[in-house]
Amino acid sequence: RDAVDYGNLLLTRLPAKQVIAHDLSVPGREPRSAIEAVFQP
């Protein structure tokens, strides 16, 4: 919006081993997304 990103954020104490962005948008609805992250604690 107005050149500013809007969505989700993941904050962690451990670094992620893998991060995948998912577009969950449904046509005609507000755009949605998900962050999938894998950790090895």
Full PDB file with SEQRES, HELIX, SHEET, SSBOND, CRYST1, ORIGX, SCALE, CONECT and MASTER records, all heavy atoms in Angstrom:
SEQRES   1 A   41  ARG ASP ALA VAL ASP TYR GLY ASN LEU LEU LEU THR ARG          
SEQRES   2 A   41  LEU PRO ALA LYS GLN VAL ILE ALA HIS ASP LEU SER VAL          
SEQRES   3 A   41  PRO GLY ARG GLU PRO ARG SER ALA ILE GLU ALA VAL PHE          
SEQRES   4 A   41  GLN PRO                                                      
SHEET    1 AA1 2 GLN A  18  ASP A  23  0                                        
SHEET    2 AA1 2 SER A  33  VAL A  38 -1                                        
CRYST1    1.000    1.000    1.000  90.00  90.00  90.00 P 1           1          
ORIGX1      1.000000  0.000000  0.000000        0.00000                         
ORIGX2      0.000000  1.000000  0.000000        0.00000                         
ORIGX3      0.000000  0.000000  1.000000        0.00000                         
SCALE1      1.000000  0.000000  0.000000        0.00000                         
SCALE2      0.000000  1.000000  0.000000        0.00000                         
SCALE3      0.000000  0.000000  1.000000        0.00000                         
ATOM      1  N   ARG A   1       0.865  -1.180   0.000  1.00  0.00           N  
ATOM      2  CA  ARG A   1       0.000   0.000   0.000  1.00  0.00           C  
ATOM      3  C   ARG A   1       0.898   1.224   0.000  1.00  0.00           C  
ATOM      4  O   ARG A   1       1.706   1.386   0.918  1.00  0.00           O  
ATOM      5  CB  ARG A   1      -0.865   0.052   1.255  1.00  0.00           C  
ATOM      6  CG  ARG A   1      -1.890  -1.007   1.372  1.00  0.00           C  
ATOM      7  CD  ARG A   1      -2.819  -0.607   2.500  1.00  0.00           C  
ATOM      8  NE  ARG A   1      -3.171  -1.771   3.280  1.00  0.00           N  
ATOM      9  CZ  ARG A   1      -3.926  -1.731   4.351  1.00  0.00           C  
ATOM     10  NH1 ARG A   1      -4.369  -0.602   4.808  1.00  0.00           N  
ATOM     11  NH2 ARG A   1      -4.229  -2.826   4.999  1.00  0.00           N  
ATOM     12  N   ASP A   2       0.752   2.081  -0.998  1.00  0.00           N  
ATOM     13  CA  ASP A   2       1.582   3.291  -1.090  1.00  0.00           C  
ATOM     14  C   ASP A   2       3.059   2.953  -0.954  1.00  0.00           C  
ATOM     15  O   ASP A   2       3.796   3.608  -0.210  1.00  0.00           O  
ATOM     16  CB  ASP A   2       1.162   4.324  -0.043  1.00  0.00           C  
ATOM     17  CG  ASP A   2      -0.275   4.765  -0.205  1.00  0.00           C  
ATOM     18  OD1 ASP A   2      -0.721   4.903  -1.363  1.00  0.00           O  
ATOM     19  OD2 ASP A   2      -0.961   4.971   0.815  1.00  0.00           O  
ATOM     20  N   ALA A   3       3.503   1.896  -1.644  1.00  0.00           N  
ATOM     21  CA  ALA A   3       4.899   1.441  -1.652  1.00  0.00           C  
ATOM     22  C   ALA A   3       5.388   0.944  -0.288  1.00  0.00           C  
ATOM     23  O   ALA A   3       6.587   0.897  -0.022  1.00  0.00           O  
ATOM     24  CB  ALA A   3       5.828   2.523  -2.195  1.00  0.00           C  
ATOM     25  N   VAL A   4       4.457   0.557   0.587  1.00  0.00           N  
ATOM     26  CA  VAL A   4       4.801   0.017   1.907  1.00  0.00           C  
ATOM     27  C   VAL A   4       4.237  -1.402   1.999  1.00  0.00           C  
ATOM     28  O   VAL A   4       3.046  -1.618   1.761  1.00  0.00           O  
ATOM     29  CB  VAL A   4       4.218   0.898   3.040  1.00  0.00           C  
ATOM     30  CG1 VAL A   4       4.435   0.259   4.401  1.00  0.00           C  
ATOM     31  CG2 VAL A   4       4.809   2.295   2.996  1.00  0.00           C  
ATOM     32  N   ASP A   5       5.095  -2.373   2.346  1.00  0.00           N  
ATOM     33  CA  ASP A   5       4.640  -3.756   2.501  1.00  0.00           C  
ATOM     34  C   ASP A   5       3.683  -3.878   3.679  1.00  0.00           C  
ATOM     35  O   ASP A   5       3.830  -3.210   4.698  1.00  0.00           O  
ATOM     36  CB  ASP A   5       5.828  -4.694   2.720  1.00  0.00           C  
ATOM     37  CG  ASP A   5       6.623  -4.929   1.451  1.00  0.00           C  
ATOM     38  OD1 ASP A   5       6.080  -4.699   0.360  1.00  0.00           O  
ATOM     39  OD2 ASP A   5       7.792  -5.343   1.569  1.00  0.00           O  
ATOM     40  N   TYR A   6       2.699  -4.784   3.510  1.00  0.00           N  
ATOM     41  CA  TYR A   6       1.687  -5.019   4.527  1.00  0.00           C  
ATOM     42  C   TYR A   6       1.425  -6.514   4.580  1.00  0.00           C  
ATOM     43  O   TYR A   6       1.201  -7.147   3.550  1.00  0.00           O  
ATOM     44  CB  TYR A   6       0.409  -4.265   4.150  1.00  0.00           C  
ATOM     45  CG  TYR A   6      -0.722  -4.408   5.122  1.00  0.00           C  
ATOM     46  CD1 TYR A   6      -0.835  -3.559   6.221  1.00  0.00           C  
ATOM     47  CD2 TYR A   6      -1.690  -5.383   4.952  1.00  0.00           C  
ATOM     48  CE1 TYR A   6      -1.881  -3.688   7.112  1.00  0.00           C  
ATOM     49  CE2 TYR A   6      -2.744  -5.521   5.843  1.00  0.00           C  
ATOM     50  CZ  TYR A   6      -2.833  -4.660   6.915  1.00  0.00           C  
ATOM     51  OH  TYR A   6      -3.864  -4.788   7.807  1.00  0.00           O  
ATOM     52  N   GLY A   7       1.493  -7.090   5.778  1.00  0.00           N  
ATOM     53  CA  GLY A   7       1.234  -8.524   5.899  1.00  0.00           C  
ATOM     54  C   GLY A   7       1.664  -9.093   7.225  1.00  0.00           C  
ATOM     55  O   GLY A   7       1.404  -8.510   8.285  1.00  0.00           O  
ATOM     56  N   ASN A   8       2.363 -10.229   7.171  1.00  0.00           N  
ATOM     57  CA  ASN A   8       2.746 -10.977   8.364  1.00  0.00           C  
ATOM     58  C   ASN A   8       4.231 -10.822   8.661  1.00  0.00           C  
ATOM     59  O   ASN A   8       5.018 -10.473   7.788  1.00  0.00           O  
ATOM     60  CB  ASN A   8       2.434 -12.465   8.159  1.00  0.00           C  
ATOM     61  CG  ASN A   8       0.994 -12.692   7.805  1.00  0.00           C  
ATOM     62  OD1 ASN A   8       0.095 -12.275   8.520  1.00  0.00           O  
ATOM     63  ND2 ASN A   8       0.759 -13.350   6.687  1.00  0.00           N  
ATOM     64  N   LEU A   9       4.573 -11.139   9.904  1.00  0.00           N  
ATOM     65  CA  LEU A   9       5.966 -11.065  10.349  1.00  0.00           C  
ATOM     66  C   LEU A   9       6.204 -12.210  11.322  1.00  0.00           C  
ATOM     67  O   LEU A   9       5.350 -12.505  12.162  1.00  0.00           O  
ATOM     68  CB  LEU A   9       6.192  -9.723  11.055  1.00  0.00           C  
ATOM     69  CG  LEU A   9       7.615  -9.273  11.310  1.00  0.00           C  
ATOM     70  CD1 LEU A   9       8.308  -8.959   9.997  1.00  0.00           C  
ATOM     71  CD2 LEU A   9       7.600  -8.006  12.169  1.00  0.00           C  
ATOM     72  N   LEU A  10       7.352 -12.850  11.191  1.00  0.00           N  
ATOM     73  CA  LEU A  10       7.763 -13.884  12.133  1.00  0.00           C  
ATOM     74  C   LEU A  10       9.042 -13.415  12.806  1.00  0.00           C  
ATOM     75  O   LEU A  10      10.010 -13.063  12.130  1.00  0.00           O  
ATOM     76  CB  LEU A  10       7.999 -15.216  11.412  1.00  0.00           C  
ATOM     77  CG  LEU A  10       8.609 -16.348  12.242  1.00  0.00           C  
ATOM     78  CD1 LEU A  10       7.725 -16.715  13.427  1.00  0.00           C  
ATOM     79  CD2 LEU A  10       8.875 -17.575  11.363  1.00  0.00           C  
ATOM     80  N   LEU A  11       9.041 -13.388  14.122  1.00  0.00           N  
ATOM     81  CA  LEU A  11      10.210 -13.021  14.920  1.00  0.00           C  
ATOM     82  C   LEU A  11      10.614 -14.246  15.736  1.00  0.00           C  
ATOM     83  O   LEU A  11       9.759 -14.900  16.334  1.00  0.00           O  
ATOM     84  CB  LEU A  11       9.876 -11.866  15.860  1.00  0.00           C  
ATOM     85  CG  LEU A  11       9.427 -10.585  15.159  1.00  0.00           C  
ATOM     86  CD1 LEU A  11       8.570  -9.745  16.069  1.00  0.00           C  
ATOM     87  CD2 LEU A  11      10.629  -9.812  14.684  1.00  0.00           C  
ATOM     88  N   THR A  12      11.923 -14.560  15.749  1.00  0.00           N  
ATOM     89  CA  THR A  12      12.368 -15.773  16.425  1.00  0.00           C  
ATOM     90  C   THR A  12      13.703 -15.555  17.133  1.00  0.00           C  
ATOM     91  O   THR A  12      14.527 -14.758  16.690  1.00  0.00           O  
ATOM     92  CB  THR A  12      12.548 -16.930  15.423  1.00  0.00           C  
ATOM     93  OG1 THR A  12      13.662 -16.657  14.589  1.00  0.00           O  
ATOM     94  CG2 THR A  12      11.307 -17.132  14.576  1.00  0.00           C  
ATOM     95  N   ARG A  13      13.897 -16.287  18.195  1.00  0.00           N  
ATOM     96  CA  ARG A  13      15.193 -16.257  18.880  1.00  0.00           C  
ATOM     97  C   ARG A  13      16.193 -17.163  18.157  1.00  0.00           C  
ATOM     98  O   ARG A  13      17.394 -16.945  18.229  1.00  0.00           O  
ATOM     99  CB  ARG A  13      15.042 -16.682  20.324  1.00  0.00           C  
ATOM    100  CG  ARG A  13      14.116 -15.748  21.094  1.00  0.00           C  
ATOM    101  CD  ARG A  13      14.528 -15.509  22.510  1.00  0.00           C  
ATOM    102  NE  ARG A  13      13.551 -14.667  23.161  1.00  0.00           N  
ATOM    103  CZ  ARG A  13      13.539 -13.339  23.126  1.00  0.00           C  
ATOM    104  NH1 ARG A  13      14.477 -12.695  22.467  1.00  0.00           N  
ATOM    105  NH2 ARG A  13      12.611 -12.650  23.737  1.00  0.00           N  
ATOM    106  N   LEU A  14      15.698 -18.198  17.469  1.00  0.00           N  
ATOM    107  CA  LEU A  14      16.550 -19.118  16.709  1.00  0.00           C  
ATOM    108  C   LEU A  14      16.529 -18.730  15.237  1.00  0.00           C  
ATOM    109  O   LEU A  14      15.498 -18.306  14.723  1.00  0.00           O  
ATOM    110  CB  LEU A  14      16.011 -20.555  16.806  1.00  0.00           C  
ATOM    111  CG  LEU A  14      16.011 -21.226  18.163  1.00  0.00           C  
ATOM    112  CD1 LEU A  14      15.310 -22.573  18.068  1.00  0.00           C  
ATOM    113  CD2 LEU A  14      17.439 -21.420  18.647  1.00  0.00           C  
ATOM    114  N   PRO A  15      17.648 -18.927  14.540  1.00  0.00           N  
ATOM    115  CA  PRO A  15      17.613 -18.706  13.091  1.00  0.00           C  
ATOM    116  C   PRO A  15      16.873 -19.854  12.411  1.00  0.00           C  
ATOM    117  O   PRO A  15      16.971 -21.007  12.835  1.00  0.00           O  
ATOM    118  CB  PRO A  15      19.091 -18.690  12.700  1.00  0.00           C  
ATOM    119  CG  PRO A  15      19.778 -19.469  13.765  1.00  0.00           C  
ATOM    120  CD  PRO A  15      18.987 -19.261  15.032  1.00  0.00           C  
ATOM    121  N   ALA A  16      16.128 -19.540  11.376  1.00  0.00           N  
ATOM    122  CA  ALA A  16      15.398 -20.564  10.625  1.00  0.00           C  
ATOM    123  C   ALA A  16      16.339 -21.303   9.691  1.00  0.00           C  
ATOM    124  O   ALA A  16      17.270 -20.720   9.138  1.00  0.00           O  
ATOM    125  CB  ALA A  16      14.276 -19.917   9.827  1.00  0.00           C  
ATOM    126  N   LYS A  17      16.101 -22.591   9.527  1.00  0.00           N  
ATOM    127  CA  LYS A  17      16.853 -23.401   8.564  1.00  0.00           C  
ATOM    128  C   LYS A  17      16.278 -23.228   7.168  1.00  0.00           C  
ATOM    129  O   LYS A  17      16.986 -23.331   6.170  1.00  0.00           O  
ATOM    130  CB  LYS A  17      16.810 -24.886   8.948  1.00  0.00           C  
ATOM    131  CG  LYS A  17      17.460 -25.198  10.270  1.00  0.00           C  
ATOM    132  CD  LYS A  17      18.958 -25.009  10.169  1.00  0.00           C  
ATOM    133  CE  LYS A  17      19.616 -25.407  11.485  1.00  0.00           C  
ATOM    134  NZ  LYS A  17      21.037 -25.110  11.487  1.00  0.00           N  
ATOM    135  N   GLN A  18      14.970 -22.982   7.107  1.00  0.00           N  
ATOM    136  CA  GLN A  18      14.282 -22.818   5.818  1.00  0.00           C  
ATOM    137  C   GLN A  18      13.086 -21.902   6.034  1.00  0.00           C  
ATOM    138  O   GLN A  18      12.395 -22.003   7.050  1.00  0.00           O  
ATOM    139  CB  GLN A  18      13.816 -24.174   5.300  1.00  0.00           C  
ATOM    140  CG  GLN A  18      13.102 -24.128   3.982  1.00  0.00           C  
ATOM    141  CD  GLN A  18      12.613 -25.511   3.560  1.00  0.00           C  
ATOM    142  OE1 GLN A  18      12.396 -26.392   4.394  1.00  0.00           O  
ATOM    143  NE2 GLN A  18      12.436 -25.698   2.263  1.00  0.00           N  
ATOM    144  N   VAL A  19      12.834 -21.005   5.074  1.00  0.00           N  
ATOM    145  CA  VAL A  19      11.673 -20.122   5.110  1.00  0.00           C  
ATOM    146  C   VAL A  19      11.022 -20.140   3.734  1.00  0.00           C  
ATOM    147  O   VAL A  19      11.701 -19.986   2.717  1.00  0.00           O  
ATOM    148  CB  VAL A  19      12.068 -18.676   5.480  1.00  0.00           C  
ATOM    149  CG1 VAL A  19      10.850 -17.765   5.480  1.00  0.00           C  
ATOM    150  CG2 VAL A  19      12.757 -18.632   6.836  1.00  0.00           C  
ATOM    151  N   ILE A  20       9.707 -20.364   3.720  1.00  0.00           N  
ATOM    152  CA  ILE A  20       8.946 -20.413   2.473  1.00  0.00           C  
ATOM    153  C   ILE A  20       7.785 -19.434   2.577  1.00  0.00           C  
ATOM    154  O   ILE A  20       7.043 -19.443   3.568  1.00  0.00           O  
ATOM    155  CB  ILE A  20       8.410 -21.832   2.205  1.00  0.00           C  
ATOM    156  CG1 ILE A  20       9.544 -22.849   2.176  1.00  0.00           C  
ATOM    157  CG2 ILE A  20       7.607 -21.875   0.906  1.00  0.00           C  
ATOM    158  CD1 ILE A  20       9.084 -24.286   2.230  1.00  0.00           C  
ATOM    159  N   ALA A  21       7.614 -18.611   1.558  1.00  0.00           N  
ATOM    160  CA  ALA A  21       6.475 -17.689   1.486  1.00  0.00           C  
ATOM    161  C   ALA A  21       5.367 -18.353   0.679  1.00  0.00           C  
ATOM    162  O   ALA A  21       5.621 -18.956  -0.367  1.00  0.00           O  
ATOM    163  CB  ALA A  21       6.902 -16.388   0.824  1.00  0.00           C  
ATOM    164  N   HIS A  22       4.141 -18.254   1.188  1.00  0.00           N  
ATOM    165  CA  HIS A  22       2.978 -18.823   0.499  1.00  0.00           C  
ATOM    166  C   HIS A  22       1.986 -17.721   0.183  1.00  0.00           C  
ATOM    167  O   HIS A  22       1.642 -16.925   1.064  1.00  0.00           O  
ATOM    168  CB  HIS A  22       2.279 -19.869   1.381  1.00  0.00           C  
ATOM    169  CG  HIS A  22       3.110 -21.059   1.702  1.00  0.00           C  
ATOM    170  ND1 HIS A  22       3.285 -22.104   0.828  1.00  0.00           N  
ATOM    171  CD2 HIS A  22       3.835 -21.367   2.812  1.00  0.00           C  
ATOM    172  CE1 HIS A  22       4.067 -23.014   1.394  1.00  0.00           C  
ATOM    173  NE2 HIS A  22       4.411 -22.586   2.596  1.00  0.00           N  
ATOM    174  N   ASP A  23       1.516 -17.694  -1.046  1.00  0.00           N  
ATOM    175  CA  ASP A  23       0.446 -16.783  -1.441  1.00  0.00           C  
ATOM    176  C   ASP A  23      -0.872 -17.510  -1.216  1.00  0.00           C  
ATOM    177  O   ASP A  23      -1.132 -18.538  -1.853  1.00  0.00           O  
ATOM    178  CB  ASP A  23       0.610 -16.389  -2.907  1.00  0.00           C  
ATOM    179  CG  ASP A  23      -0.464 -15.422  -3.382  1.00  0.00           C  
ATOM    180  OD1 ASP A  23      -1.343 -15.027  -2.586  1.00  0.00           O  
ATOM    181  OD2 ASP A  23      -0.431 -15.051  -4.572  1.00  0.00           O  
ATOM    182  N   LEU A  24      -1.680 -17.007  -0.303  1.00  0.00           N  
ATOM    183  CA  LEU A  24      -2.963 -17.642   0.015  1.00  0.00           C  
ATOM    184  C   LEU A  24      -4.143 -16.823  -0.499  1.00  0.00           C  
ATOM    185  O   LEU A  24      -5.277 -16.993  -0.041  1.00  0.00           O  
ATOM    186  CB  LEU A  24      -3.099 -17.826   1.531  1.00  0.00           C  
ATOM    187  CG  LEU A  24      -2.041 -18.687   2.220  1.00  0.00           C  
ATOM    188  CD1 LEU A  24      -2.312 -18.748   3.713  1.00  0.00           C  
ATOM    189  CD2 LEU A  24      -1.986 -20.070   1.621  1.00  0.00           C  
ATOM    190  N   SER A  25      -3.869 -15.945  -1.436  1.00  0.00           N  
ATOM    191  CA  SER A  25      -4.906 -15.046  -1.939  1.00  0.00           C  
ATOM    192  C   SER A  25      -6.016 -15.815  -2.654  1.00  0.00           C  
ATOM    193  O   SER A  25      -5.764 -16.801  -3.347  1.00  0.00           O  
ATOM    194  CB  SER A  25      -4.303 -14.029  -2.901  1.00  0.00           C  
ATOM    195  OG  SER A  25      -3.323 -13.261  -2.233  1.00  0.00           O  
ATOM    196  N   VAL A  26      -7.241 -15.337  -2.468  1.00  0.00           N  
ATOM    197  CA  VAL A  26      -8.421 -15.883  -3.128  1.00  0.00           C  
ATOM    198  C   VAL A  26      -8.956 -14.781  -4.040  1.00  0.00           C  
ATOM    199  O   VAL A  26      -9.121 -13.643  -3.580  1.00  0.00           O  
ATOM    200  CB  VAL A  26      -9.486 -16.301  -2.083  1.00  0.00           C  
ATOM    201  CG1 VAL A  26     -10.786 -16.697  -2.751  1.00  0.00           C  
ATOM    202  CG2 VAL A  26      -8.946 -17.425  -1.202  1.00  0.00           C  
ATOM    203  N   PRO A  27      -9.197 -15.075  -5.316  1.00  0.00           N  
ATOM    204  CA  PRO A  27      -9.683 -14.041  -6.232  1.00  0.00           C  
ATOM    205  C   PRO A  27     -10.904 -13.296  -5.676  1.00  0.00           C  
ATOM    206  O   PRO A  27     -11.813 -13.910  -5.121  1.00  0.00           O  
ATOM    207  CB  PRO A  27     -10.041 -14.822  -7.501  1.00  0.00           C  
ATOM    208  CG  PRO A  27      -9.163 -16.027  -7.453  1.00  0.00           C  
ATOM    209  CD  PRO A  27      -9.054 -16.375  -5.987  1.00  0.00           C  
ATOM    210  N   GLY A  28     -10.873 -11.981  -5.799  1.00  0.00           N  
ATOM    211  CA  GLY A  28     -11.985 -11.159  -5.338  1.00  0.00           C  
ATOM    212  C   GLY A  28     -11.934 -10.802  -3.857  1.00  0.00           C  
ATOM    213  O   GLY A  28     -12.796 -10.098  -3.356  1.00  0.00           O  
ATOM    214  N   ARG A  29     -10.942 -11.308  -3.161  1.00  0.00           N  
ATOM    215  CA  ARG A  29     -10.804 -11.046  -1.721  1.00  0.00           C  
ATOM    216  C   ARG A  29      -9.480 -10.324  -1.467  1.00  0.00           C  
ATOM    217  O   ARG A  29      -8.618 -10.265  -2.343  1.00  0.00           O  
ATOM    218  CB  ARG A  29     -10.840 -12.354  -0.915  1.00  0.00           C  
ATOM    219  CG  ARG A  29     -12.048 -13.239  -1.155  1.00  0.00           C  
ATOM    220  CD  ARG A  29     -13.338 -12.641  -0.698  1.00  0.00           C  
ATOM    221  NE  ARG A  29     -13.306 -12.482   0.756  1.00  0.00           N  
ATOM    222  CZ  ARG A  29     -14.253 -11.908   1.470  1.00  0.00           C  
ATOM    223  NH1 ARG A  29     -15.311 -11.420   0.876  1.00  0.00           N  
ATOM    224  NH2 ARG A  29     -14.152 -11.819   2.772  1.00  0.00           N  
ATOM    225  N   GLU A  30      -9.296  -9.809  -0.247  1.00  0.00           N  
ATOM    226  CA  GLU A  30      -8.038  -9.138   0.108  1.00  0.00           C  
ATOM    227  C   GLU A  30      -6.880 -10.126   0.007  1.00  0.00           C  
ATOM    228  O   GLU A  30      -7.011 -11.275   0.438  1.00  0.00           O  
ATOM    229  CB  GLU A  30      -8.140  -8.604   1.538  1.00  0.00           C  
ATOM    230  CG  GLU A  30      -6.907  -7.854   1.997  1.00  0.00           C  
ATOM    231  CD  GLU A  30      -7.056  -7.289   3.401  1.00  0.00           C  
ATOM    232  OE1 GLU A  30      -7.977  -6.484   3.631  1.00  0.00           O  
ATOM    233  OE2 GLU A  30      -6.250  -7.668   4.275  1.00  0.00           O  
ATOM    234  N   PRO A  31      -5.741  -9.705  -0.546  1.00  0.00           N  
ATOM    235  CA  PRO A  31      -4.588 -10.612  -0.633  1.00  0.00           C  
ATOM    236  C   PRO A  31      -4.163 -11.126   0.752  1.00  0.00           C  
ATOM    237  O   PRO A  31      -4.201 -10.385   1.730  1.00  0.00           O  
ATOM    238  CB  PRO A  31      -3.490  -9.733  -1.241  1.00  0.00           C  
ATOM    239  CG  PRO A  31      -4.208  -8.639  -1.932  1.00  0.00           C  
ATOM    240  CD  PRO A  31      -5.452  -8.392  -1.118  1.00  0.00           C  
ATOM    241  N   ARG A  32      -3.771 -12.385   0.793  1.00  0.00           N  
ATOM    242  CA  ARG A  32      -3.326 -13.025   2.039  1.00  0.00           C  
ATOM    243  C   ARG A  32      -2.065 -13.826   1.754  1.00  0.00           C  
ATOM    244  O   ARG A  32      -1.820 -14.266   0.640  1.00  0.00           O  
ATOM    245  CB  ARG A  32      -4.400 -13.954   2.603  1.00  0.00           C  
ATOM    246  CG  ARG A  32      -5.725 -13.302   2.897  1.00  0.00           C  
ATOM    247  CD  ARG A  32      -5.662 -12.414   4.112  1.00  0.00           C  
ATOM    248  NE  ARG A  32      -6.950 -11.757   4.330  1.00  0.00           N  
ATOM    249  CZ  ARG A  32      -7.299 -11.179   5.462  1.00  0.00           C  
ATOM    250  NH1 ARG A  32      -6.468 -11.176   6.488  1.00  0.00           N  
ATOM    251  NH2 ARG A  32      -8.468 -10.602   5.579  1.00  0.00           N  
ATOM    252  N   SER A  33      -1.274 -14.025   2.793  1.00  0.00           N  
ATOM    253  CA  SER A  33      -0.033 -14.788   2.654  1.00  0.00           C  
ATOM    254  C   SER A  33       0.237 -15.569   3.931  1.00  0.00           C  
ATOM    255  O   SER A  33      -0.449 -15.393   4.936  1.00  0.00           O  
ATOM    256  CB  SER A  33       1.138 -13.849   2.358  1.00  0.00           C  
ATOM    257  OG  SER A  33       1.401 -13.027   3.472  1.00  0.00           O  
ATOM    258  N   ALA A  34       1.262 -16.407   3.866  1.00  0.00           N  
ATOM    259  CA  ALA A  34       1.719 -17.154   5.043  1.00  0.00           C  
ATOM    260  C   ALA A  34       3.232 -17.262   4.973  1.00  0.00           C  
ATOM    261  O   ALA A  34       3.822 -17.287   3.899  1.00  0.00           O  
ATOM    262  CB  ALA A  34       1.094 -18.539   5.094  1.00  0.00           C  
ATOM    263  N   ILE A  35       3.848 -17.316   6.141  1.00  0.00           N  
ATOM    264  CA  ILE A  35       5.276 -17.574   6.272  1.00  0.00           C  
ATOM    265  C   ILE A  35       5.406 -18.954   6.909  1.00  0.00           C  
ATOM    266  O   ILE A  35       4.880 -19.185   7.999  1.00  0.00           O  
ATOM    267  CB  ILE A  35       5.968 -16.551   7.200  1.00  0.00           C  
ATOM    268  CG1 ILE A  35       5.695 -15.122   6.767  1.00  0.00           C  
ATOM    269  CG2 ILE A  35       7.473 -16.830   7.277  1.00  0.00           C  
ATOM    270  CD1 ILE A  35       6.077 -14.093   7.836  1.00  0.00           C  
ATOM    271  N   GLU A  36       6.090 -19.850   6.234  1.00  0.00           N  
ATOM    272  CA  GLU A  36       6.377 -21.171   6.786  1.00  0.00           C  
ATOM    273  C   GLU A  36       7.871 -21.214   7.088  1.00  0.00           C  
ATOM    274  O   GLU A  36       8.688 -20.898   6.228  1.00  0.00           O  
ATOM    275  CB  GLU A  36       6.013 -22.257   5.773  1.00  0.00           C  
ATOM    276  CG  GLU A  36       6.361 -23.650   6.225  1.00  0.00           C  
ATOM    277  CD  GLU A  36       6.061 -24.695   5.165  1.00  0.00           C  
ATOM    278  OE1 GLU A  36       5.676 -24.331   4.031  1.00  0.00           O  
ATOM    279  OE2 GLU A  36       6.252 -25.880   5.467  1.00  0.00           O  
ATOM    280  N   ALA A  37       8.221 -21.582   8.305  1.00  0.00           N  
ATOM    281  CA  ALA A  37       9.633 -21.628   8.685  1.00  0.00           C  
ATOM    282  C   ALA A  37       9.927 -22.921   9.435  1.00  0.00           C  
ATOM    283  O   ALA A  37       9.112 -23.395  10.217  1.00  0.00           O  
ATOM    284  CB  ALA A  37       9.986 -20.423   9.554  1.00  0.00           C  
ATOM    285  N   VAL A  38      11.114 -23.460   9.169  1.00  0.00           N  
ATOM    286  CA  VAL A  38      11.556 -24.694   9.816  1.00  0.00           C  
ATOM    287  C   VAL A  38      12.763 -24.371  10.684  1.00  0.00           C  
ATOM    288  O   VAL A  38      13.693 -23.682  10.250  1.00  0.00           O  
ATOM    289  CB  VAL A  38      11.919 -25.771   8.771  1.00  0.00           C  
ATOM    290  CG1 VAL A  38      12.429 -27.036   9.448  1.00  0.00           C  
ATOM    291  CG2 VAL A  38      10.728 -26.070   7.876  1.00  0.00           C  
ATOM    292  N   PHE A  39      12.731 -24.878  11.911  1.00  0.00           N  
ATOM    293  CA  PHE A  39      13.804 -24.668  12.885  1.00  0.00           C  
ATOM    294  C   PHE A  39      14.311 -26.016  13.354  1.00  0.00           C  
ATOM    295  O   PHE A  39      13.597 -27.010  13.310  1.00  0.00           O  
ATOM    296  CB  PHE A  39      13.280 -23.870  14.087  1.00  0.00           C  
ATOM    297  CG  PHE A  39      12.723 -22.537  13.700  1.00  0.00           C  
ATOM    298  CD1 PHE A  39      11.388 -22.404  13.342  1.00  0.00           C  
ATOM    299  CD2 PHE A  39      13.523 -21.413  13.679  1.00  0.00           C  
ATOM    300  CE1 PHE A  39      10.876 -21.176  12.955  1.00  0.00           C  
ATOM    301  CE2 PHE A  39      13.022 -20.188  13.292  1.00  0.00           C  
ATOM    302  CZ  PHE A  39      11.699 -20.069  12.933  1.00  0.00           C  
ATOM    303  N   GLN A  40      15.532 -26.045  13.840  1.00  0.00           N  
ATOM    304  CA  GLN A  40      16.135 -27.272  14.353  1.00  0.00           C  
ATOM    305  C   GLN A  40      16.671 -26.992  15.763  1.00  0.00           C  
ATOM    306  O   GLN A  40      17.874 -26.919  15.974  1.00  0.00           O  
ATOM    307  CB  GLN A  40      17.261 -27.736  13.420  1.00  0.00           C  
ATOM    308  CG  GLN A  40      17.729 -29.142  13.669  1.00  0.00           C  
ATOM    309  CD  GLN A  40      16.751 -30.177  13.137  1.00  0.00           C  
ATOM    310  OE1 GLN A  40      16.225 -30.042  12.054  1.00  0.00           O  
ATOM    311  NE2 GLN A  40      16.515 -31.207  13.920  1.00  0.00           N  
ATOM    312  N   PRO A  41      15.763 -26.865  16.752  1.00  0.00           N  
ATOM    313  CA  PRO A  41      16.218 -26.532  18.102  1.00  0.00           C  
ATOM    314  C   PRO A  41      16.897 -27.696  18.832  1.00  0.00           C  
ATOM    315  O   PRO A  41      17.564 -27.497  19.827  1.00  0.00           O  
ATOM    316  CB  PRO A  41      14.931 -26.126  18.818  1.00  0.00           C  
ATOM    317  CG  PRO A  41      13.852 -26.841  18.087  1.00  0.00           C  
ATOM    318  CD  PRO A  41      14.316 -26.947  16.655  1.00  0.00           C  
TER     319      PRO A  41                                                      
MASTER        0    0    0    0    2    0    0    6  318    1    0    4          
END                                                                             
